Amino acid sequence: MTPALLVILLLMAGLVLLAIEVFVIPGVGLVGLLGGAAVLGAVALAWATLGVGYGLLALAAGACATGLLFWAFPRTRVGRKMVLEAQTSGRGPDPRLAALVGREGKALTPLRPAGTVEIEDRAVDVVTDGLYVEAGTPVRVAAVEGNRVVVEPRKT
């Protein structure tokens, strides 16, 4: 078998193993590692036996084929399950939350620093600025930052 044919077969075998890893059994497993090793072996063999020009050609072919696999992966059934396609609404914070600034309530759970507060017979998920607040402590809404409601213990 000639070195050129061996390089081509090794490169093709590596790319097939990488394709199997990407399309059939996704993950970083033995098949992907073997495919990557075969591609690198083909490049090294081409470089050593055929010269620098063929080594660079094998390297470019392997890089292009691997890039093609990464381009094609998100379009596969498995890839579509891994990619988030939904976009956020862009509506901004809930206006009902913004209306809570200055309102007072009672901590339903300990706030360490996150927890739940009852404000006007409504349970609201809140955070403090790093303070620990016992359950049952009166609190006041200090700020609303987006959908983050910040409370502080009410001064008596």
Protein backbone atom coordinates (compact mmCIF):
# COMPACT_ATOMS: atom_id res chain seq x y z
CA MET A 1 0.00 0.00 0.00
CA THR A 2 1.42 3.38 -0.94
CA PRO A 3 1.86 6.08 1.71
CA ALA A 4 -0.56 8.38 -0.12
CA LEU A 5 -3.31 5.75 -0.09
CA LEU A 6 -2.64 5.03 3.59
CA VAL A 7 -2.92 8.75 4.41
CA ILE A 8 -6.22 9.02 2.52
CA LEU A 9 -7.67 5.91 4.20
CA LEU A 10 -6.54 7.03 7.65
CA LEU A 11 -7.97 10.52 7.11
CA MET A 12 -11.29 9.14 5.85
CA ALA A 13 -11.49 6.65 8.73
CA GLY A 14 -10.88 9.46 11.22
CA LEU A 15 -13.54 11.66 9.64
CA VAL A 16 -16.03 8.78 9.63
CA LEU A 17 -15.35 8.16 13.32
CA LEU A 18 -15.79 11.87 14.06
CA ALA A 19 -19.05 11.91 12.09
CA ILE A 20 -20.29 8.90 14.08
CA GLU A 21 -19.36 10.71 17.28
CA VAL A 22 -21.18 13.89 16.25
CA PHE A 23 -24.30 12.45 14.58
CA VAL A 24 -24.88 9.03 16.12
CA ILE A 25 -23.45 8.97 19.65
CA PRO A 26 -22.86 12.58 20.74
CA GLY A 27 -20.47 13.18 23.58
CA VAL A 28 -16.75 13.08 24.17
CA GLY A 29 -16.19 9.37 23.98
CA LEU A 30 -13.75 6.81 22.73
CA VAL A 31 -15.03 7.01 19.15
CA GLY A 32 -14.39 10.76 18.96
CA LEU A 33 -10.94 10.42 20.48
CA LEU A 34 -10.05 7.65 18.03
CA GLY A 35 -11.35 9.76 15.13
CA GLY A 36 -9.28 12.74 16.20
CA ALA A 37 -6.21 10.56 16.65
CA ALA A 38 -6.71 9.06 13.17
CA VAL A 39 -6.94 12.51 11.57
CA LEU A 40 -3.83 13.69 13.40
CA GLY A 41 -2.08 10.44 12.47
CA ALA A 42 -2.95 10.97 8.82
CA VAL A 43 -1.54 14.50 8.96
CA ALA A 44 1.66 13.31 10.65
CA LEU A 45 2.05 10.42 8.19
CA ALA A 46 1.51 12.70 5.21
CA TRP A 47 3.98 15.21 6.60
CA ALA A 48 6.65 12.55 7.26
CA THR A 49 6.32 10.42 4.12
CA LEU A 50 4.94 12.71 1.44
CA GLY A 51 6.44 16.04 2.44
CA VAL A 52 5.33 19.30 3.93
CA GLY A 53 2.95 20.18 1.09
CA TYR A 54 0.88 17.03 1.45
CA GLY A 55 0.99 17.34 5.24
CA LEU A 56 -0.49 20.82 5.02
CA LEU A 57 -3.06 19.56 2.50
CA ALA A 58 -4.10 16.76 4.88
CA LEU A 59 -4.27 19.25 7.76
CA ALA A 60 -6.45 21.62 5.73
CA ALA A 61 -8.73 18.78 4.59
CA GLY A 62 -9.15 17.55 8.15
CA ALA A 63 -9.85 21.05 9.47
CA CYS A 64 -12.40 21.74 6.73
CA ALA A 65 -14.18 18.43 7.25
CA THR A 66 -14.24 18.91 11.03
CA GLY A 67 -15.60 22.44 10.58
CA LEU A 68 -18.27 21.06 8.26
CA LEU A 69 -19.29 18.55 10.94
CA PHE A 70 -19.56 21.29 13.56
CA TRP A 71 -21.60 23.40 11.13
CA ALA A 72 -23.92 20.48 10.37
CA PHE A 73 -24.35 19.26 13.95
CA PRO A 74 -26.87 21.91 15.11
CA ARG A 75 -29.05 20.98 12.14
CA THR A 76 -29.37 17.33 13.23
CA ARG A 77 -32.17 15.95 15.39
CA VAL A 78 -29.85 15.62 18.39
CA GLY A 79 -28.27 19.02 17.75
CA ARG A 80 -31.65 20.77 17.63
CA LYS A 81 -32.44 19.36 21.06
CA MET A 82 -29.21 20.86 22.43
CA VAL A 83 -29.61 24.35 20.95
CA LEU A 84 -31.95 26.93 22.46
CA GLU A 85 -33.97 28.46 19.62
CA ALA A 86 -36.57 30.43 21.58
CA GLN A 87 -35.92 34.10 22.04
CA THR A 88 -36.80 36.25 25.00
CA SER A 89 -39.78 38.52 24.62
CA GLY A 90 -37.91 41.73 25.32
CA ARG A 91 -40.91 43.09 27.25
CA GLY A 92 -38.78 44.03 30.24
CA PRO A 93 -39.63 43.62 33.89
CA ASP A 94 -43.08 42.78 35.15
CA PRO A 95 -44.82 46.12 35.81
CA ARG A 96 -46.58 44.56 38.82
CA LEU A 97 -43.17 44.04 40.42
CA ALA A 98 -42.10 47.63 39.80
CA ALA A 99 -45.20 48.79 41.68
CA LEU A 100 -43.97 46.98 44.82
CA VAL A 101 -41.18 49.50 45.57
CA GLY A 102 -41.75 50.93 49.05
CA ARG A 103 -44.41 48.36 49.97
CA GLU A 104 -44.09 46.40 53.16
CA GLY A 105 -44.62 42.73 53.90
CA LYS A 106 -43.52 39.80 56.01
CA ALA A 107 -40.85 37.17 55.29
CA LEU A 108 -42.56 33.81 54.81
CA THR A 109 -39.24 31.94 54.70
CA PRO A 110 -35.79 32.80 56.00
CA LEU A 111 -34.06 35.12 53.54
CA ARG A 112 -30.47 33.88 53.18
CA PRO A 113 -30.31 36.04 51.11
CA ALA A 114 -33.09 34.72 48.84
CA GLY A 115 -36.52 33.59 49.93
CA THR A 116 -40.22 34.37 49.83
CA VAL A 117 -42.06 37.37 51.22
CA GLU A 118 -45.78 37.99 51.52
CA ILE A 119 -46.75 41.42 50.23
CA GLU A 120 -50.45 42.32 50.10
CA ASP A 121 -51.57 38.66 50.31
CA ARG A 122 -49.20 37.72 47.47
CA ALA A 123 -46.09 35.53 47.75
CA VAL A 124 -43.11 37.15 46.01
CA ASP A 125 -39.63 35.68 45.47
CA VAL A 126 -37.11 38.21 46.78
CA VAL A 127 -33.47 38.71 47.72
CA THR A 128 -31.69 40.85 50.27
CA ASP A 129 -28.40 42.70 49.86
CA GLY A 130 -26.57 39.86 51.58
CA LEU A 131 -28.43 40.08 54.88
CA TYR A 132 -29.92 37.12 56.70
CA VAL A 133 -33.53 37.79 57.64
CA GLU A 134 -35.55 35.46 59.88
CA ALA A 135 -38.96 34.17 58.77
CA GLY A 136 -41.75 36.40 60.12
CA THR A 137 -39.60 39.57 60.07
CA PRO A 138 -41.30 42.67 58.62
CA VAL A 139 -39.56 43.80 55.40
CA ARG A 140 -39.79 46.67 52.93
CA VAL A 141 -39.18 46.49 49.17
CA ALA A 142 -36.10 48.64 48.59
CA ALA A 143 -35.72 48.19 44.83
CA VAL A 144 -36.85 46.25 41.80
CA GLU A 145 -34.09 45.52 39.27
CA GLY A 146 -35.65 43.82 36.26
CA ASN A 147 -37.39 40.80 37.75
CA ARG A 148 -35.25 40.87 40.91
CA VAL A 149 -37.03 42.23 43.97
CA VAL A 150 -34.67 43.49 46.68
CA VAL A 151 -35.96 43.82 50.25
CA GLU A 152 -34.55 45.06 53.52
CA PRO A 153 -35.69 44.52 57.09
CA ARG A 154 -38.18 47.19 58.11
CA LYS A 155 -36.89 49.57 60.72
CA THR A 156 -39.28 49.64 63.66
